[in-house]
PDB file of all heavy atoms in Angstrom:
ATOM      1  N   ALA A   1     428.134 149.941 -56.236  1.00  0.00           N
ATOM      2  CA  ALA A   1     428.573 148.594 -56.731  1.00  0.00           C
ATOM      3  C   ALA A   1     427.712 148.268 -57.955  1.00  0.00           C
ATOM      4  O   ALA A   1     428.280 147.666 -58.883  1.00  0.00           O
ATOM      5  CB  ALA A   1     428.287 147.556 -55.554  1.00  0.00           C
ATOM      6  N   LYS A   2     426.413 148.506 -57.972  1.00  0.00           N
ATOM      7  CA  LYS A   2     425.614 148.178 -59.165  1.00  0.00           C
ATOM      8  C   LYS A   2     426.118 148.987 -60.298  1.00  0.00           C
ATOM      9  O   LYS A   2     426.173 148.470 -61.451  1.00  0.00           O
ATOM     10  CB  LYS A   2     424.115 148.532 -58.801  1.00  0.00           C
ATOM     11  CG  LYS A   2     423.474 147.578 -57.843  1.00  0.00           C
ATOM     12  CD  LYS A   2     422.868 146.400 -58.588  1.00  0.00           C
ATOM     13  CE  LYS A   2     421.948 145.518 -57.625  1.00  0.00           C
ATOM     14  NZ  LYS A   2     421.526 144.314 -58.335  1.00  0.00           N
ATOM     15  N   THR A   3     426.488 150.240 -60.122  1.00  0.00           N
ATOM     16  CA  THR A   3     426.972 151.099 -61.153  1.00  0.00           C
ATOM     17  C   THR A   3     428.297 150.545 -61.696  1.00  0.00           C
ATOM     18  O   THR A   3     428.573 150.435 -62.942  1.00  0.00           O
ATOM     19  CB  THR A   3     427.201 152.590 -60.648  1.00  0.00           C
ATOM     20  OG1 THR A   3     425.963 153.100 -60.238  1.00  0.00           O
ATOM     21  CG2 THR A   3     427.718 153.446 -61.805  1.00  0.00           C
ATOM     22  N   ALA A   4     429.115 150.170 -60.785  1.00  0.00           N
ATOM     23  CA  ALA A   4     430.470 149.531 -61.191  1.00  0.00           C
ATOM     24  C   ALA A   4     430.233 148.245 -62.015  1.00  0.00           C
ATOM     25  O   ALA A   4     430.940 148.080 -63.058  1.00  0.00           O
ATOM     26  CB  ALA A   4     431.298 149.273 -59.902  1.00  0.00           C
ATOM     27  N   HIS A   5     429.331 147.446 -61.558  1.00  0.00           N
ATOM     28  CA  HIS A   5     429.038 146.220 -62.285  1.00  0.00           C
ATOM     29  C   HIS A   5     428.555 146.566 -63.723  1.00  0.00           C
ATOM     30  O   HIS A   5     429.024 145.925 -64.695  1.00  0.00           O
ATOM     31  CB  HIS A   5     427.905 145.439 -61.542  1.00  0.00           C
ATOM     32  CG  HIS A   5     427.554 144.144 -62.235  1.00  0.00           C
ATOM     33  ND1 HIS A   5     426.489 144.079 -63.146  1.00  0.00           N
ATOM     34  CD2 HIS A   5     428.033 142.921 -62.154  1.00  0.00           C
ATOM     35  CE1 HIS A   5     426.339 142.905 -63.544  1.00  0.00           C
ATOM     36  NE2 HIS A   5     427.296 142.171 -62.980  1.00  0.00           N
ATOM     37  N   ARG A   6     427.630 147.484 -63.857  1.00  0.00           N
ATOM     38  CA  ARG A   6     427.142 147.819 -65.167  1.00  0.00           C
ATOM     39  C   ARG A   6     428.195 148.365 -66.075  1.00  0.00           C
ATOM     40  O   ARG A   6     428.280 147.991 -67.245  1.00  0.00           O
ATOM     41  CB  ARG A   6     425.970 148.858 -65.077  1.00  0.00           C
ATOM     42  CG  ARG A   6     425.366 149.246 -66.389  1.00  0.00           C
ATOM     43  CD  ARG A   6     424.044 149.962 -66.149  1.00  0.00           C
ATOM     44  NE  ARG A   6     423.054 149.084 -65.581  1.00  0.00           N
ATOM     45  CZ  ARG A   6     421.769 149.442 -65.360  1.00  0.00           C
ATOM     46  NH1 ARG A   6     421.376 150.656 -65.767  1.00  0.00           N
ATOM     47  NH2 ARG A   6     420.928 148.607 -64.867  1.00  0.00           N
ATOM     48  N   LEU A   7     429.041 149.271 -65.560  1.00  0.00           N
ATOM     49  CA  LEU A   7     430.111 149.827 -66.416  1.00  0.00           C
ATOM     50  C   LEU A   7     431.130 148.772 -66.779  1.00  0.00           C
ATOM     51  O   LEU A   7     431.553 148.775 -67.961  1.00  0.00           O
ATOM     52  CB  LEU A   7     430.810 150.955 -65.529  1.00  0.00           C
ATOM     53  CG  LEU A   7     429.994 152.238 -65.325  1.00  0.00           C
ATOM     54  CD1 LEU A   7     430.752 153.164 -64.433  1.00  0.00           C
ATOM     55  CD2 LEU A   7     429.692 152.954 -66.682  1.00  0.00           C
ATOM     56  N   LEU A   8     431.467 147.884 -65.916  1.00  0.00           N
ATOM     57  CA  LEU A   8     432.441 146.849 -66.261  1.00  0.00           C
ATOM     58  C   LEU A   8     431.853 145.917 -67.320  1.00  0.00           C
ATOM     59  O   LEU A   8     432.551 145.526 -68.188  1.00  0.00           O
ATOM     60  CB  LEU A   8     432.800 146.081 -65.042  1.00  0.00           C
ATOM     61  CG  LEU A   8     433.723 146.769 -64.046  1.00  0.00           C
ATOM     62  CD1 LEU A   8     433.813 146.033 -62.658  1.00  0.00           C
ATOM     63  CD2 LEU A   8     435.143 146.888 -64.608  1.00  0.00           C
ATOM     64  N   ARG A   9     430.531 145.553 -67.179  1.00  0.00           N
ATOM     65  CA  ARG A   9     429.942 144.776 -68.190  1.00  0.00           C
ATOM     66  C   ARG A   9     429.890 145.398 -69.584  1.00  0.00           C
ATOM     67  O   ARG A   9     430.102 144.747 -70.563  1.00  0.00           O
ATOM     68  CB  ARG A   9     428.531 144.327 -67.719  1.00  0.00           C
ATOM     69  CG  ARG A   9     428.553 143.496 -66.462  1.00  0.00           C
ATOM     70  CD  ARG A   9     429.177 142.158 -66.591  1.00  0.00           C
ATOM     71  NE  ARG A   9     428.410 141.238 -67.483  1.00  0.00           N
ATOM     72  CZ  ARG A   9     428.777 140.040 -67.846  1.00  0.00           C
ATOM     73  NH1 ARG A   9     429.993 139.631 -67.472  1.00  0.00           N
ATOM     74  NH2 ARG A   9     427.933 139.320 -68.609  1.00  0.00           N
ATOM     75  N   LEU A  10     429.660 146.768 -69.561  1.00  0.00           N
ATOM     76  CA  LEU A  10     429.635 147.463 -70.847  1.00  0.00           C
ATOM     77  C   LEU A  10     431.032 147.456 -71.496  1.00  0.00           C
ATOM     78  O   LEU A  10     431.162 147.552 -72.680  1.00  0.00           O
ATOM     79  CB  LEU A  10     429.198 148.907 -70.588  1.00  0.00           C
ATOM     80  CG  LEU A  10     427.688 149.091 -70.319  1.00  0.00           C
ATOM     81  CD1 LEU A  10     427.383 150.581 -69.910  1.00  0.00           C
ATOM     82  CD2 LEU A  10     426.814 148.670 -71.510  1.00  0.00           C
ATOM     83  N   CYS A  11     432.088 147.382 -70.630  1.00  0.00           N
ATOM     84  CA  CYS A  11     433.440 147.296 -71.171  1.00  0.00           C
ATOM     85  C   CYS A  11     433.917 145.922 -71.521  1.00  0.00           C
ATOM     86  O   CYS A  11     435.001 145.677 -71.820  1.00  0.00           O
ATOM     87  CB  CYS A  11     434.359 147.944 -70.123  1.00  0.00           C
ATOM     88  SG  CYS A  11     434.120 149.696 -69.820  1.00  0.00           S
ATOM     89  N   GLY A  12     432.982 145.007 -71.316  1.00  0.00           N
ATOM     90  CA  GLY A  12     433.362 143.599 -71.693  1.00  0.00           C
ATOM     91  C   GLY A  12     434.027 142.843 -70.613  1.00  0.00           C
ATOM     92  O   GLY A  12     434.639 141.764 -70.827  1.00  0.00           O
ATOM     93  N   ARG A  13     433.999 143.404 -69.397  1.00  0.00           N
ATOM     94  CA  ARG A  13     434.680 142.638 -68.246  1.00  0.00           C
ATOM     95  C   ARG A  13     433.707 141.817 -67.518  1.00  0.00           C
ATOM     96  O   ARG A  13     432.505 142.058 -67.545  1.00  0.00           O
ATOM     97  CB  ARG A  13     435.241 143.778 -67.296  1.00  0.00           C
ATOM     98  CG  ARG A  13     436.227 144.762 -67.953  1.00  0.00           C
ATOM     99  CD  ARG A  13     437.569 144.129 -68.158  1.00  0.00           C
ATOM    100  NE  ARG A  13     438.244 143.798 -66.909  1.00  0.00           N
ATOM    101  CZ  ARG A  13     438.908 144.695 -66.195  1.00  0.00           C
ATOM    102  NH1 ARG A  13     439.012 145.953 -66.633  1.00  0.00           N
ATOM    103  NH2 ARG A  13     439.492 144.322 -65.038  1.00  0.00           N
ATOM    104  N   ALA A  14     434.275 140.855 -66.769  1.00  0.00           N
ATOM    105  CA  ALA A  14     433.411 139.820 -66.002  1.00  0.00           C
ATOM    106  C   ALA A  14     432.751 140.486 -64.819  1.00  0.00           C
ATOM    107  O   ALA A  14     431.659 139.993 -64.409  1.00  0.00           O
ATOM    108  CB  ALA A  14     434.302 138.662 -65.631  1.00  0.00           C
ATOM    109  N   ALA A  15     433.321 141.382 -64.239  1.00  0.00           N
ATOM    110  CA  ALA A  15     432.748 142.143 -63.059  1.00  0.00           C
ATOM    111  C   ALA A  15     432.483 141.155 -61.876  1.00  0.00           C
ATOM    112  O   ALA A  15     431.458 141.122 -61.292  1.00  0.00           O
ATOM    113  CB  ALA A  15     431.443 142.783 -63.434  1.00  0.00           C
ATOM    114  N   THR A  16     433.493 140.297 -61.638  1.00  0.00           N
ATOM    115  CA  THR A  16     433.292 139.290 -60.568  1.00  0.00           C
ATOM    116  C   THR A  16     433.935 139.639 -59.230  1.00  0.00           C
ATOM    117  O   THR A  16     433.705 139.055 -58.229  1.00  0.00           O
ATOM    118  CB  THR A  16     433.885 137.939 -61.027  1.00  0.00           C
ATOM    119  OG1 THR A  16     435.301 138.155 -61.295  1.00  0.00           O
ATOM    120  CG2 THR A  16     433.166 137.365 -62.243  1.00  0.00           C
ATOM    121  N   HIS A  17     434.799 140.763 -59.264  1.00  0.00           N
ATOM    122  CA  HIS A  17     435.457 141.093 -58.024  1.00  0.00           C
ATOM    123  C   HIS A  17     435.232 142.601 -57.676  1.00  0.00           C
ATOM    124  O   HIS A  17     434.891 142.929 -56.475  1.00  0.00           O
ATOM    125  CB  HIS A  17     436.948 140.831 -58.155  1.00  0.00           C
ATOM    126  CG  HIS A  17     437.759 141.337 -56.962  1.00  0.00           C
ATOM    127  ND1 HIS A  17     437.989 140.542 -55.899  1.00  0.00           N
ATOM    128  CD2 HIS A  17     438.417 142.528 -56.795  1.00  0.00           C
ATOM    129  CE1 HIS A  17     438.708 141.280 -54.995  1.00  0.00           C
ATOM    130  NE2 HIS A  17     439.035 142.430 -55.541  1.00  0.00           N
ATOM    131  N   THR A  18     435.411 143.451 -58.620  1.00  0.00           N
ATOM    132  CA  THR A  18     435.354 144.925 -58.305  1.00  0.00           C
ATOM    133  C   THR A  18     434.096 145.432 -57.680  1.00  0.00           C
ATOM    134  O   THR A  18     434.115 146.247 -56.668  1.00  0.00           O
ATOM    135  CB  THR A  18     435.753 145.742 -59.634  1.00  0.00           C
ATOM    136  OG1 THR A  18     437.024 145.315 -60.069  1.00  0.00           O
ATOM    137  CG2 THR A  18     435.647 147.212 -59.327  1.00  0.00           C
ATOM    138  N   PRO A  19     432.899 144.983 -58.120  1.00  0.00           N
ATOM    139  CA  PRO A  19     431.674 145.467 -57.506  1.00  0.00           C
ATOM    140  C   PRO A  19     431.668 145.164 -56.014  1.00  0.00           C
ATOM    141  O   PRO A  19     431.266 145.978 -55.133  1.00  0.00           O
ATOM    142  CB  PRO A  19     430.541 144.765 -58.244  1.00  0.00           C
ATOM    143  CG  PRO A  19     431.154 144.523 -59.592  1.00  0.00           C
ATOM    144  CD  PRO A  19     432.575 144.226 -59.356  1.00  0.00           C
ATOM    145  N   GLY A  20     432.127 143.969 -55.638  1.00  0.00           N
ATOM    146  CA  GLY A  20     432.141 143.567 -54.197  1.00  0.00           C
ATOM    147  C   GLY A  20     433.184 144.386 -53.487  1.00  0.00           C
ATOM    148  O   GLY A  20     433.013 144.695 -52.293  1.00  0.00           O
ATOM    149  N   ALA A  21     434.312 144.658 -54.123  1.00  0.00           N
ATOM    150  CA  ALA A  21     435.317 145.483 -53.469  1.00  0.00           C
ATOM    151  C   ALA A  21     434.858 146.883 -53.198  1.00  0.00           C
ATOM    152  O   ALA A  21     435.070 147.473 -52.146  1.00  0.00           O
ATOM    153  CB  ALA A  21     436.602 145.510 -54.359  1.00  0.00           C
ATOM    154  N   VAL A  22     434.121 147.464 -54.215  1.00  0.00           N
ATOM    155  CA  VAL A  22     433.553 148.777 -53.961  1.00  0.00           C
ATOM    156  C   VAL A  22     432.501 148.787 -52.884  1.00  0.00           C
ATOM    157  O   VAL A  22     432.492 149.613 -51.997  1.00  0.00           O
ATOM    158  CB  VAL A  22     432.808 149.249 -55.303  1.00  0.00           C
ATOM    159  CG1 VAL A  22     431.942 150.452 -55.053  1.00  0.00           C
ATOM    160  CG2 VAL A  22     433.813 149.506 -56.412  1.00  0.00           C
ATOM    161  N   ALA A  23     431.664 147.787 -52.775  1.00  0.00           N
ATOM    162  CA  ALA A  23     430.616 147.639 -51.794  1.00  0.00           C
ATOM    163  C   ALA A  23     431.210 147.536 -50.381  1.00  0.00           C
ATOM    164  O   ALA A  23     430.763 148.288 -49.437  1.00  0.00           O
ATOM    165  CB  ALA A  23     429.682 146.504 -52.083  1.00  0.00           C
ATOM    166  N   THR A  24     432.169 146.650 -50.189  1.00  0.00           N
ATOM    167  CA  THR A  24     432.772 146.485 -48.875  1.00  0.00           C
ATOM    168  C   THR A  24     433.637 147.660 -48.407  1.00  0.00           C
ATOM    169  O   THR A  24     433.901 147.844 -47.238  1.00  0.00           O
ATOM    170  CB  THR A  24     433.559 145.205 -48.814  1.00  0.00           C
ATOM    171  OG1 THR A  24     434.507 145.091 -49.877  1.00  0.00           O
ATOM    172  CG2 THR A  24     432.631 143.923 -48.950  1.00  0.00           C
ATOM    173  N   LYS A  25     434.199 148.418 -49.377  1.00  0.00           N
ATOM    174  CA  LYS A  25     435.066 149.590 -49.071  1.00  0.00           C
ATOM    175  C   LYS A  25     434.073 150.656 -48.487  1.00  0.00           C
ATOM    176  O   LYS A  25     434.458 151.296 -47.493  1.00  0.00           O
ATOM    177  CB  LYS A  25     435.727 150.095 -50.365  1.00  0.00           C
ATOM    178  CG  LYS A  25     436.647 151.284 -50.088  1.00  0.00           C
ATOM    179  CD  LYS A  25     437.880 150.874 -49.314  1.00  0.00           C
ATOM    180  CE  LYS A  25     438.874 152.049 -49.212  1.00  0.00           C
ATOM    181  NZ  LYS A  25     440.051 151.617 -48.440  1.00  0.00           N
ATOM    182  N   LEU A  26     432.926 150.816 -49.108  1.00  0.00           N
ATOM    183  CA  LEU A  26     431.977 151.901 -48.682  1.00  0.00           C
ATOM    184  C   LEU A  26     431.190 151.401 -47.449  1.00  0.00           C
ATOM    185  O   LEU A  26     430.799 152.240 -46.576  1.00  0.00           O
ATOM    186  CB  LEU A  26     431.080 152.226 -49.778  1.00  0.00           C
ATOM    187  CG  LEU A  26     431.685 152.875 -51.008  1.00  0.00           C
ATOM    188  CD1 LEU A  26     430.656 153.117 -52.123  1.00  0.00           C
ATOM    189  CD2 LEU A  26     432.287 154.212 -50.631  1.00  0.00           C
ATOM    190  N   CYS A  27     431.011 150.136 -47.309  1.00  0.00           N
ATOM    191  CA  CYS A  27     430.125 149.554 -46.192  1.00  0.00           C
ATOM    192  C   CYS A  27     430.785 148.250 -45.777  1.00  0.00           C
ATOM    193  O   CYS A  27     430.457 147.205 -46.346  1.00  0.00           O
ATOM    194  CB  CYS A  27     428.720 149.408 -46.677  1.00  0.00           C
ATOM    195  SG  CYS A  27     427.608 148.799 -45.335  1.00  0.00           S
ATOM    196  N   PRO A  28     431.752 148.239 -44.826  1.00  0.00           N
ATOM    197  CA  PRO A  28     432.426 147.070 -44.438  1.00  0.00           C
ATOM    198  C   PRO A  28     431.563 145.863 -44.059  1.00  0.00           C
ATOM    199  O   PRO A  28     431.879 144.723 -44.258  1.00  0.00           O
ATOM    200  CB  PRO A  28     433.273 147.471 -43.283  1.00  0.00           C
ATOM    201  CG  PRO A  28     433.485 148.908 -43.492  1.00  0.00           C
ATOM    202  CD  PRO A  28     432.189 149.454 -44.063  1.00  0.00           C
ATOM    203  N   ASP A  29     430.368 146.163 -43.465  1.00  0.00           N
ATOM    204  CA  ASP A  29     429.440 145.078 -43.081  1.00  0.00           C
ATOM    205  C   ASP A  29     428.257 144.939 -44.103  1.00  0.00           C
ATOM    206  O   ASP A  29     427.130 144.609 -43.792  1.00  0.00           O
ATOM    207  CB  ASP A  29     428.816 145.342 -41.678  1.00  0.00           C
ATOM    208  CG  ASP A  29     428.173 146.624 -41.530  1.00  0.00           C
ATOM    209  OD1 ASP A  29     428.253 147.501 -42.382  1.00  0.00           O
ATOM    210  OD2 ASP A  29     427.495 146.799 -40.506  1.00  0.00           O
ATOM    211  N   PHE A  30     428.615 145.157 -45.366  1.00  0.00           N
ATOM    212  CA  PHE A  30     427.674 145.111 -46.445  1.00  0.00           C
ATOM    213  C   PHE A  30     426.829 143.743 -46.487  1.00  0.00           C
ATOM    214  O   PHE A  30     425.654 143.742 -46.712  1.00  0.00           O
ATOM    215  CB  PHE A  30     428.370 145.323 -47.780  1.00  0.00           C
ATOM    216  CG  PHE A  30     427.476 145.443 -48.989  1.00  0.00           C
ATOM    217  CD1 PHE A  30     426.903 146.615 -49.393  1.00  0.00           C
ATOM    218  CD2 PHE A  30     427.237 144.244 -49.784  1.00  0.00           C
ATOM    219  CE1 PHE A  30     426.121 146.715 -50.499  1.00  0.00           C
ATOM    220  CE2 PHE A  30     426.462 144.387 -50.859  1.00  0.00           C
ATOM    221  CZ  PHE A  30     425.824 145.573 -51.246  1.00  0.00           C
ATOM    222  N   LEU A  31     427.615 142.666 -46.234  1.00  0.00           N
ATOM    223  CA  LEU A  31     426.990 141.344 -46.261  1.00  0.00           C
ATOM    224  C   LEU A  31     425.865 141.210 -45.255  1.00  0.00           C
ATOM    225  O   LEU A  31     424.929 140.416 -45.371  1.00  0.00           O
ATOM    226  CB  LEU A  31     428.034 140.256 -46.035  1.00  0.00           C
ATOM    227  CG  LEU A  31     428.708 139.629 -47.235  1.00  0.00           C
ATOM    228  CD1 LEU A  31     429.766 138.596 -46.821  1.00  0.00           C
ATOM    229  CD2 LEU A  31     427.699 139.058 -48.209  1.00  0.00           C
ATOM    230  N   ARG A  32     426.000 141.978 -44.167  1.00  0.00           N
ATOM    231  CA  ARG A  32     424.978 141.938 -43.071  1.00  0.00           C
ATOM    232  C   ARG A  32     423.563 142.198 -43.596  1.00  0.00           C
ATOM    233  O   ARG A  32     422.626 141.674 -43.164  1.00  0.00           O
ATOM    234  CB  ARG A  32     425.370 142.914 -41.963  1.00  0.00           C
ATOM    235  CG  ARG A  32     424.356 142.828 -40.738  1.00  0.00           C
ATOM    236  CD  ARG A  32     424.608 144.046 -39.824  1.00  0.00           C
ATOM    237  NE  ARG A  32     425.958 144.158 -39.356  1.00  0.00           N
ATOM    238  CZ  ARG A  32     426.399 143.475 -38.254  1.00  0.00           C
ATOM    239  NH1 ARG A  32     425.638 142.631 -37.549  1.00  0.00           N
ATOM    240  NH2 ARG A  32     427.718 143.630 -37.908  1.00  0.00           N
ATOM    241  N   TYR A  33     423.511 143.157 -44.541  1.00  0.00           N
ATOM    242  CA  TYR A  33     422.252 143.599 -45.004  1.00  0.00           C
ATOM    243  C   TYR A  33     421.721 142.973 -46.265  1.00  0.00           C
ATOM    244  O   TYR A  33     420.573 143.252 -46.661  1.00  0.00           O
ATOM    245  CB  TYR A  33     422.371 145.211 -45.212  1.00  0.00           C
ATOM    246  CG  TYR A  33     422.723 145.939 -43.955  1.00  0.00           C
ATOM    247  CD1 TYR A  33     424.027 146.368 -43.776  1.00  0.00           C
ATOM    248  CD2 TYR A  33     421.822 146.097 -42.908  1.00  0.00           C
ATOM    249  CE1 TYR A  33     424.404 147.055 -42.611  1.00  0.00           C
ATOM    250  CE2 TYR A  33     422.138 146.709 -41.728  1.00  0.00           C
ATOM    251  CZ  TYR A  33     423.516 147.130 -41.568  1.00  0.00           C
ATOM    252  OH  TYR A  33     423.815 147.777 -40.378  1.00  0.00           O
ATOM    253  N   LEU A  34     422.628 142.167 -46.908  1.00  0.00           N
ATOM    254  CA  LEU A  34     422.149 141.435 -48.033  1.00  0.00           C
ATOM    255  C   LEU A  34     421.392 140.214 -47.612  1.00  0.00           C
ATOM    256  O   LEU A  34     421.941 139.371 -46.809  1.00  0.00           O
ATOM    257  CB  LEU A  34     423.357 140.930 -48.903  1.00  0.00           C
ATOM    258  CG  LEU A  34     423.840 141.861 -49.971  1.00  0.00           C
ATOM    259  CD1 LEU A  34     425.010 141.230 -50.676  1.00  0.00           C
ATOM    260  CD2 LEU A  34     422.771 142.153 -51.033  1.00  0.00           C
ATOM    261  N   GLN A  35     420.128 140.034 -48.033  1.00  0.00           N
ATOM    262  CA  GLN A  35     419.411 138.867 -47.648  1.00  0.00           C
ATOM    263  C   GLN A  35     419.847 137.696 -48.495  1.00  0.00           C
ATOM    264  O   GLN A  35     420.089 137.806 -49.708  1.00  0.00           O
ATOM    265  CB  GLN A  35     417.880 139.066 -47.884  1.00  0.00           C
ATOM    266  CG  GLN A  35     417.271 140.190 -46.951  1.00  0.00           C
ATOM    267  CD  GLN A  35     415.866 140.397 -47.255  1.00  0.00           C
ATOM    268  OE1 GLN A  35     415.085 139.474 -47.437  1.00  0.00           O
ATOM    269  NE2 GLN A  35     415.409 141.715 -47.228  1.00  0.00           N
ATOM    270  N   LYS A  36     419.953 136.526 -47.814  1.00  0.00           N
ATOM    271  CA  LYS A  36     420.513 135.354 -48.624  1.00  0.00           C
ATOM    272  C   LYS A  36     419.396 134.700 -49.386  1.00  0.00           C
ATOM    273  O   LYS A  36     418.203 134.881 -48.988  1.00  0.00           O
ATOM    274  CB  LYS A  36     421.195 134.386 -47.664  1.00  0.00           C
ATOM    275  CG  LYS A  36     420.329 133.651 -46.735  1.00  0.00           C
ATOM    276  CD  LYS A  36     421.143 132.658 -45.931  1.00  0.00           C
ATOM    277  CE  LYS A  36     420.252 131.746 -45.009  1.00  0.00           C
ATOM    278  NZ  LYS A  36     419.411 130.848 -45.673  1.00  0.00           N
ATOM    279  N   PRO A  37     419.719 133.947 -50.365  1.00  0.00           N
ATOM    280  CA  PRO A  37     418.671 133.163 -51.064  1.00  0.00           C
ATOM    281  C   PRO A  37     417.985 132.252 -50.104  1.00  0.00           C
ATOM    282  O   PRO A  37     418.406 131.950 -49.041  1.00  0.00           O
ATOM    283  CB  PRO A  37     419.432 132.480 -52.197  1.00  0.00           C
ATOM    284  CG  PRO A  37     420.647 133.285 -52.363  1.00  0.00           C
ATOM    285  CD  PRO A  37     421.051 133.873 -50.997  1.00  0.00           C
ATOM    286  N   GLU A  38     416.880 131.620 -50.575  1.00  0.00           N
ATOM    287  CA  GLU A  38     416.147 130.666 -49.784  1.00  0.00           C
ATOM    288  C   GLU A  38     416.997 129.545 -49.171  1.00  0.00           C
ATOM    289  O   GLU A  38     416.844 129.132 -48.063  1.00  0.00           O
ATOM    290  CB  GLU A  38     414.994 130.121 -50.633  1.00  0.00           C
ATOM    291  CG  GLU A  38     414.079 129.200 -49.856  1.00  0.00           C
ATOM    292  CD  GLU A  38     412.926 128.676 -50.751  1.00  0.00           C
ATOM    293  OE1 GLU A  38     412.614 129.272 -51.760  1.00  0.00           O
ATOM    294  OE2 GLU A  38     412.400 127.596 -50.447  1.00  0.00           O
ATOM    295  N   THR A  39     417.913 129.069 -50.027  1.00  0.00           N
ATOM    296  CA  THR A  39     418.915 128.078 -49.618  1.00  0.00           C
ATOM    297  C   THR A  39     420.289 128.504 -49.993  1.00  0.00           C
ATOM    298  O   THR A  39     420.468 128.933 -51.111  1.00  0.00           O
ATOM    299  CB  THR A  39     418.579 126.725 -50.241  1.00  0.00           C
ATOM    300  OG1 THR A  39     417.280 126.234 -49.892  1.00  0.00           O
ATOM    301  CG2 THR A  39     419.580 125.651 -49.720  1.00  0.00           C
ATOM    302  N   LEU A  40     421.214 128.435 -49.053  1.00  0.00           N
ATOM    303  CA  LEU A  40     422.581 128.861 -49.312  1.00  0.00           C
ATOM    304  C   LEU A  40     423.532 127.660 -49.125  1.00  0.00           C
ATOM    305  O   LEU A  40     423.561 127.067 -48.041  1.00  0.00           O
ATOM    306  CB  LEU A  40     422.950 129.994 -48.399  1.00  0.00           C
ATOM    307  CG  LEU A  40     424.426 130.494 -48.578  1.00  0.00           C
ATOM    308  CD1 LEU A  40     424.581 131.156 -50.014  1.00  0.00           C
ATOM    309  CD2 LEU A  40     424.701 131.570 -47.508  1.00  0.00           C
ATOM    310  N   ILE A  41     424.193 127.289 -50.190  1.00  0.00           N
ATOM    311  CA  ILE A  41     425.201 126.186 -50.151  1.00  0.00           C
ATOM    312  C   ILE A  41     426.560 126.751 -50.425  1.00  0.00           C
ATOM    313  O   ILE A  41     426.737 127.501 -51.378  1.00  0.00           O
ATOM    314  CB  ILE A  41     424.871 125.141 -51.178  1.00  0.00           C
ATOM    315  CG1 ILE A  41     423.533 124.583 -51.084  1.00  0.00           C
ATOM    316  CG2 ILE A  41     425.926 123.997 -51.264  1.00  0.00           C
ATOM    317  CD1 ILE A  41     423.010 123.686 -52.243  1.00  0.00           C
ATOM    318  N   CYS A  42     427.511 126.503 -49.477  1.00  0.00           N
ATOM    319  CA  CYS A  42     428.859 127.034 -49.581  1.00  0.00           C
ATOM    320  C   CYS A  42     429.817 125.774 -49.880  1.00  0.00           C
ATOM    321  O   CYS A  42     429.608 124.743 -49.269  1.00  0.00           O
ATOM    322  CB  CYS A  42     429.308 127.842 -48.359  1.00  0.00           C
ATOM    323  SG  CYS A  42     428.516 129.394 -48.313  1.00  0.00           S
ATOM    324  N   VAL A  43     430.860 126.039 -50.663  1.00  0.00           N
ATOM    325  CA  VAL A  43     431.842 124.997 -51.002  1.00  0.00           C
ATOM    326  C   VAL A  43     433.180 125.531 -50.649  1.00  0.00           C
ATOM    327  O   VAL A  43     433.552 126.568 -51.136  1.00  0.00           O
ATOM    328  CB  VAL A  43     431.728 124.668 -52.538  1.00  0.00           C
ATOM    329  CG1 VAL A  43     432.720 123.540 -52.871  1.00  0.00           C
ATOM    330  CG2 VAL A  43     430.357 124.270 -52.951  1.00  0.00           C
ATOM    331  N   THR A  44     433.943 124.757 -49.835  1.00  0.00           N
ATOM    332  CA  THR A  44     435.264 125.126 -49.471  1.00  0.00           C
ATOM    333  C   THR A  44     436.141 123.997 -49.509  1.00  0.00           C
ATOM    334  O   THR A  44     435.784 122.812 -49.780  1.00  0.00           O
ATOM    335  CB  THR A  44     435.264 125.818 -48.069  1.00  0.00           C
ATOM    336  OG1 THR A  44     436.469 126.498 -47.899  1.00  0.00           O
ATOM    337  CG2 THR A  44     435.065 124.841 -46.973  1.00  0.00           C
TER     338      THR A  44
END
C-alpha cells in the first residue's frame, strides 16, 4: 500500500482510495493492526 501510494503521488494522483484497496485486498483485517491516533473523531 505504501508503494502504491508513492507511485500514485509520483504520477500526480491523489492516492486517496487505491492504497487502502490494496491493503484490504491483501489483508482484510488490515484496520485491526493499524493503531489509531491519540484521539479519533468520525463524521457521518
